[in-house]
Amino acid sequence: MPRPPKLAPVPRGRAPRLGDADATLRPRPDKDDLEKRLAALAPRIADLTEALYAERRRALLIVLQGRDASGKDGVARRVLGSVHPQGLAITAFGAPTDLERRHDFLWRVHHAVPASGMVGVFNRSHYEDVLVQRVRSWVPPAVWRARYDQINEFERSLTLNGVTVLKFMLHVSREEQRTRFLERLNEPLKNWKFREGDLDDRALWPEYTRAYRDAIRKCNTPWAPWFVVPSDHKLVRDYLIARTIAETLERMDPEYPLASDELKRRCKKELS
């Protein structure tokens, strides 16, 4: 039986290709084997995140970026559903509010950084400010170009304060996005997921590709690595992300705090 697939971080200093062929893993793993492996990861993630929550000394930040219909909501539901529920905080970043626009671009993001013991998930993130803002020309080039260094410094500060950062770019092909858009339009219960602006962004496909390649190359650091996830096949996408999260948590090796001997003696005395 072939070895199960594993994500590797994007090599530093290089931009990923992000062609349509890169959105599919080749050779494609066996579906039944992958389903079993994904199911086996859920209790591992649950146990490790419970220990992380109990320990309350460190945090894990998971950044999910990708084009429309790349599966960010699906990952949050199917992969991160096994995270200890008290220790999970999901933040979706939409267009900045008037208040947020009056502050620096990282202000609203810093407010959502997970506290010690938590797993924080960013559904879109501070990278929108070097993607959408750039492609749509909402800020001058001098502004968004300066943000790469600001992002690196921000993420470095997080790691120095006990936050492990994982960044996933969910990469779908143009044809797969088209298929998923049509599913949303043809399924009444999924109509709400579609917005007219999705078509405007799709028309700017090459511009977004360039913006993603630059953002990943310039903000791919030892302390906050980027992973490009082939996401045309949902099961493959979910397994690769779940495995990376589980292995990261295992390296963090959170430990349940132990009661002091004095507390044990007192409790035994009062409860006997």
Protein backbone atom coordinates (compact mmCIF):
# COMPACT_ATOMS: atom_id res chain seq x y z
CA MET A 1 0.00 0.00 0.00
CA PRO A 2 1.44 3.44 -0.91
CA ARG A 3 2.48 5.75 1.88
CA PRO A 4 -0.13 8.32 2.87
CA PRO A 5 0.41 11.81 1.44
CA LYS A 6 1.97 14.54 3.53
CA LEU A 7 2.21 18.29 3.11
CA ALA A 8 5.59 19.97 2.96
CA PRO A 9 5.99 23.70 3.59
CA VAL A 10 6.71 25.86 0.57
CA PRO A 11 10.50 26.21 0.20
CA ARG A 12 11.57 29.59 1.52
CA GLY A 13 12.40 32.22 -1.06
CA ARG A 14 10.38 30.50 -3.77
CA ALA A 15 6.92 31.25 -5.13
CA PRO A 16 4.61 28.25 -5.65
CA ARG A 17 3.42 27.67 -9.22
CA LEU A 18 -0.32 27.66 -8.44
CA GLY A 19 -1.24 26.28 -11.85
CA ASP A 20 -4.43 24.31 -12.37
CA ALA A 21 -2.50 21.03 -12.35
CA ASP A 22 -1.16 21.86 -8.88
CA ALA A 23 -4.69 21.74 -7.43
CA THR A 24 -4.80 17.93 -7.74
CA LEU A 25 -2.57 15.49 -5.89
CA ARG A 26 -0.93 12.90 -8.17
CA PRO A 27 -1.15 9.99 -7.85
CA ARG A 28 -4.50 10.32 -6.16
CA PRO A 29 -4.61 8.31 -2.89
CA ASP A 30 -7.05 5.48 -2.32
CA LYS A 31 -10.34 6.97 -1.11
CA ASP A 32 -11.20 4.27 1.46
CA ASP A 33 -7.69 4.33 2.95
CA LEU A 34 -7.73 8.11 3.19
CA GLU A 35 -11.14 8.13 4.89
CA LYS A 36 -9.87 5.71 7.54
CA ARG A 37 -6.74 7.75 8.12
CA LEU A 38 -8.71 10.99 8.39
CA ALA A 39 -11.10 9.40 10.88
CA ALA A 40 -8.14 8.22 12.97
CA LEU A 41 -6.77 11.77 13.15
CA ALA A 42 -9.91 13.18 14.80
CA PRO A 43 -9.38 11.65 18.28
CA ARG A 44 -5.68 12.60 18.15
CA ILE A 45 -6.56 16.22 17.48
CA ALA A 46 -9.29 16.13 20.14
CA ASP A 47 -6.93 14.77 22.83
CA LEU A 48 -4.08 17.14 21.99
CA THR A 49 -6.27 20.25 21.88
CA GLU A 50 -7.88 19.30 25.19
CA ALA A 51 -4.40 19.10 26.72
CA LEU A 52 -3.52 22.44 25.10
CA TYR A 53 -6.64 24.00 26.62
CA ALA A 54 -5.88 22.52 30.05
CA GLU A 55 -2.25 23.60 29.91
CA ARG A 56 -3.14 27.21 28.97
CA ARG A 57 0.43 28.26 28.25
CA ARG A 58 0.49 28.33 24.45
CA ALA A 59 -1.86 28.70 21.49
CA LEU A 60 -2.17 27.51 17.89
CA LEU A 61 -3.23 29.85 15.09
CA ILE A 62 -4.44 28.28 11.85
CA VAL A 63 -4.75 30.60 8.85
CA LEU A 64 -7.00 29.46 6.00
CA GLN A 65 -6.62 31.40 2.77
CA GLY A 66 -7.90 30.54 -0.68
CA ARG A 67 -10.02 31.63 -3.59
CA ASP A 68 -13.79 31.61 -3.33
CA ALA A 69 -15.15 28.03 -3.02
CA SER A 70 -11.74 26.62 -2.13
CA GLY A 71 -13.18 24.97 0.98
CA LYS A 72 -12.30 27.16 3.96
CA ASP A 73 -15.71 26.59 5.58
CA GLY A 74 -15.50 22.88 4.84
CA VAL A 75 -12.13 22.56 6.57
CA ALA A 76 -13.42 24.45 9.59
CA ARG A 77 -16.37 22.06 9.81
CA ARG A 78 -14.86 18.68 8.93
CA VAL A 79 -11.28 18.98 10.17
CA LEU A 80 -11.53 21.39 13.07
CA GLY A 81 -14.79 19.96 14.33
CA SER A 82 -12.70 17.54 16.39
CA VAL A 83 -10.91 20.34 18.25
CA HIS A 84 -11.82 20.55 21.93
CA PRO A 85 -14.92 22.80 21.74
CA GLN A 86 -14.03 25.07 24.64
CA GLY A 87 -10.65 25.73 23.09
CA LEU A 88 -11.72 26.69 19.55
CA ALA A 89 -12.26 30.22 18.23
CA ILE A 90 -13.05 30.81 14.55
CA THR A 91 -12.87 34.31 13.10
CA ALA A 92 -14.06 35.14 9.58
CA PHE A 93 -12.61 38.33 8.14
CA GLY A 94 -14.82 40.18 5.69
CA ALA A 95 -14.55 43.71 4.37
CA PRO A 96 -13.24 46.07 7.07
CA THR A 97 -15.80 48.12 8.94
CA ASP A 98 -15.57 51.91 9.17
CA LEU A 99 -14.00 51.56 12.61
CA GLU A 100 -11.46 49.00 11.40
CA ARG A 101 -10.48 51.21 8.47
CA ARG A 102 -9.62 53.98 10.92
CA HIS A 103 -6.91 51.77 12.44
CA ASP A 104 -3.85 50.08 10.96
CA PHE A 105 -4.66 46.97 8.93
CA LEU A 106 -3.47 44.58 11.66
CA TRP A 107 -5.59 46.12 14.40
CA ARG A 108 -8.65 43.91 13.86
CA VAL A 109 -6.46 40.85 13.38
CA HIS A 110 -4.57 41.28 16.62
CA HIS A 111 -7.88 41.42 18.48
CA ALA A 112 -8.65 37.91 17.18
CA VAL A 113 -5.33 36.25 18.04
CA PRO A 114 -6.08 33.15 20.16
CA ALA A 115 -5.44 33.33 23.88
CA SER A 116 -3.30 30.76 25.67
CA GLY A 117 -4.91 27.34 25.53
CA MET A 118 -6.88 28.12 22.40
CA VAL A 119 -6.85 27.01 18.78
CA GLY A 120 -7.66 30.06 16.69
CA VAL A 121 -8.81 29.74 13.10
CA PHE A 122 -8.74 32.65 10.65
CA ASN A 123 -11.16 32.15 7.76
CA ARG A 124 -9.37 34.63 5.54
CA SER A 125 -6.93 36.82 7.41
CA HIS A 126 -4.48 39.71 7.39
CA TYR A 127 -3.34 38.42 3.99
CA GLU A 128 -6.45 39.92 2.42
CA ASP A 129 -4.60 43.23 2.77
CA VAL A 130 -1.93 42.11 0.29
CA LEU A 131 -4.38 40.21 -1.92
CA VAL A 132 -7.74 41.93 -2.39
CA GLN A 133 -6.40 45.38 -1.55
CA ARG A 134 -3.65 44.92 -4.12
CA VAL A 135 -5.70 43.36 -6.91
CA ARG A 136 -8.55 45.83 -6.55
CA SER A 137 -6.14 48.78 -6.28
CA TRP A 138 -7.81 49.92 -3.08
CA VAL A 139 -4.48 51.09 -1.68
CA PRO A 140 -1.38 52.37 -3.52
CA PRO A 141 1.44 49.90 -4.33
CA ALA A 142 3.73 51.58 -1.80
CA VAL A 143 1.20 50.73 0.93
CA TRP A 144 0.61 47.05 0.20
CA ARG A 145 4.28 46.38 -0.56
CA ALA A 146 5.25 47.64 2.88
CA ARG A 147 2.80 45.24 4.47
CA TYR A 148 4.83 42.12 3.75
CA ASP A 149 7.47 43.12 6.29
CA GLN A 150 4.79 44.23 8.73
CA ILE A 151 3.10 40.83 8.48
CA ASN A 152 6.38 39.01 9.05
CA GLU A 153 7.10 41.10 12.13
CA PHE A 154 3.55 40.57 13.42
CA GLU A 155 3.77 36.79 13.03
CA ARG A 156 7.23 36.75 14.59
CA SER A 157 5.86 38.59 17.59
CA LEU A 158 3.10 36.01 17.94
CA THR A 159 5.54 33.10 17.98
CA LEU A 160 7.75 34.83 20.54
CA ASN A 161 4.67 35.03 22.75
CA GLY A 162 3.75 31.35 22.55
CA VAL A 163 1.51 31.25 19.46
CA THR A 164 2.38 28.60 16.87
CA VAL A 165 1.31 29.73 13.40
CA LEU A 166 0.24 27.43 10.53
CA LYS A 167 -0.81 28.95 7.20
CA PHE A 168 -2.69 26.99 4.56
CA MET A 169 -3.40 28.21 1.04
CA LEU A 170 -6.29 26.08 -0.29
CA HIS A 171 -5.53 25.87 -4.00
CA VAL A 172 -8.33 25.05 -6.44
CA SER A 173 -8.29 25.00 -10.21
CA ARG A 174 -10.38 27.39 -12.27
CA GLU A 175 -12.55 24.52 -13.52
CA GLU A 176 -13.19 23.16 -10.02
CA GLN A 177 -14.19 26.60 -8.82
CA ARG A 178 -16.63 26.82 -11.73
CA THR A 179 -18.14 23.45 -10.74
CA ARG A 180 -18.57 24.53 -7.12
CA PHE A 181 -20.11 27.87 -8.10
CA LEU A 182 -22.69 26.06 -10.23
CA GLU A 183 -23.47 23.70 -7.34
CA ARG A 184 -24.15 26.69 -5.14
CA LEU A 185 -26.46 28.21 -7.70
CA ASN A 186 -28.32 24.96 -8.43
CA GLU A 187 -28.79 23.96 -4.78
CA PRO A 188 -31.27 26.30 -3.01
CA LEU A 189 -29.76 25.59 0.41
CA LYS A 190 -26.38 26.76 -0.88
CA ASN A 191 -27.51 29.90 -2.70
CA TRP A 192 -26.58 32.01 0.30
CA LYS A 193 -22.91 31.14 -0.21
CA PHE A 194 -22.81 32.83 -3.59
CA ARG A 195 -22.29 36.55 -4.00
CA GLU A 196 -22.06 38.58 -7.17
CA GLY A 197 -18.58 39.73 -6.22
CA ASP A 198 -17.36 36.14 -6.60
CA LEU A 199 -17.65 36.52 -10.38
CA ASP A 200 -15.72 39.79 -10.29
CA ASP A 201 -12.88 38.07 -8.43
CA ARG A 202 -12.97 35.13 -10.84
CA ALA A 203 -12.46 37.54 -13.74
CA LEU A 204 -9.23 38.63 -12.04
CA TRP A 205 -7.82 35.09 -11.75
CA PRO A 206 -4.31 35.85 -13.11
CA GLU A 207 -4.00 38.95 -10.92
CA TYR A 208 -4.91 36.96 -7.80
CA THR A 209 -2.47 34.23 -8.76
CA ARG A 210 0.36 36.76 -8.92
CA ALA A 211 -0.72 38.30 -5.62
CA TYR A 212 -0.83 34.90 -3.88
CA ARG A 213 2.55 33.87 -5.26
CA ASP A 214 4.15 37.09 -4.02
CA ALA A 215 2.48 36.91 -0.60
CA ILE A 216 3.57 33.31 -0.05
CA ARG A 217 7.14 33.96 -1.21
CA LYS A 218 7.59 37.12 0.82
CA CYS A 219 5.83 35.92 3.99
CA ASN A 220 7.08 32.33 4.19
CA THR A 221 9.24 32.24 7.30
CA PRO A 222 10.66 29.59 9.66
CA TRP A 223 8.29 30.81 12.38
CA ALA A 224 5.15 30.98 10.20
CA PRO A 225 5.44 28.59 7.22
CA TRP A 226 3.07 28.43 4.27
CA PHE A 227 1.54 25.17 3.03
CA VAL A 228 -0.15 25.02 -0.37
CA VAL A 229 -2.92 22.42 -0.22
CA PRO A 230 -4.14 20.79 -3.45
CA SER A 231 -7.87 21.27 -2.89
CA ASP A 232 -9.74 20.07 -5.97
CA HIS A 233 -10.54 16.87 -4.03
CA LYS A 234 -12.08 17.65 -0.67
CA LEU A 235 -11.04 14.45 1.08
CA VAL A 236 -7.41 14.91 0.07
CA ARG A 237 -7.52 18.53 1.22
CA ASP A 238 -9.03 17.66 4.59
CA TYR A 239 -6.62 14.81 5.27
CA LEU A 240 -3.51 16.83 4.41
CA ILE A 241 -4.56 19.69 6.68
CA ALA A 242 -5.65 17.40 9.52
CA ARG A 243 -2.36 15.49 9.42
CA THR A 244 -0.33 18.70 9.47
CA ILE A 245 -2.32 20.04 12.43
CA ALA A 246 -2.01 16.77 14.37
CA GLU A 247 1.73 16.55 13.80
CA THR A 248 2.19 20.19 14.81
CA LEU A 249 0.27 19.62 18.04
CA GLU A 250 2.35 16.52 18.75
CA ARG A 251 5.53 18.57 18.40
CA MET A 252 4.06 21.17 20.76
CA ASP A 253 3.42 18.26 23.17
CA PRO A 254 0.95 19.99 25.52
CA GLU A 255 0.73 18.52 29.01
CA TYR A 256 -2.12 18.37 31.49
CA PRO A 257 -1.22 20.35 34.63
CA LEU A 258 -0.94 18.27 37.78
CA ALA A 259 -2.47 19.22 41.13
CA SER A 260 0.05 20.11 43.80
CA ASP A 261 0.62 17.70 46.68
CA GLU A 262 -0.79 20.30 49.07
CA LEU A 263 -4.00 20.59 47.06
CA LYS A 264 -4.36 16.82 46.90
CA ARG A 265 -3.94 16.51 50.67
CA ARG A 266 -6.50 19.25 51.31
CA CYS A 267 -9.03 17.78 48.91
CA LYS A 268 -8.66 14.28 50.28
CA LYS A 269 -9.11 15.59 53.79
CA GLU A 270 -12.20 17.68 53.02
CA LEU A 271 -13.80 15.09 50.72
CA SER A 272 -13.20 12.06 52.92
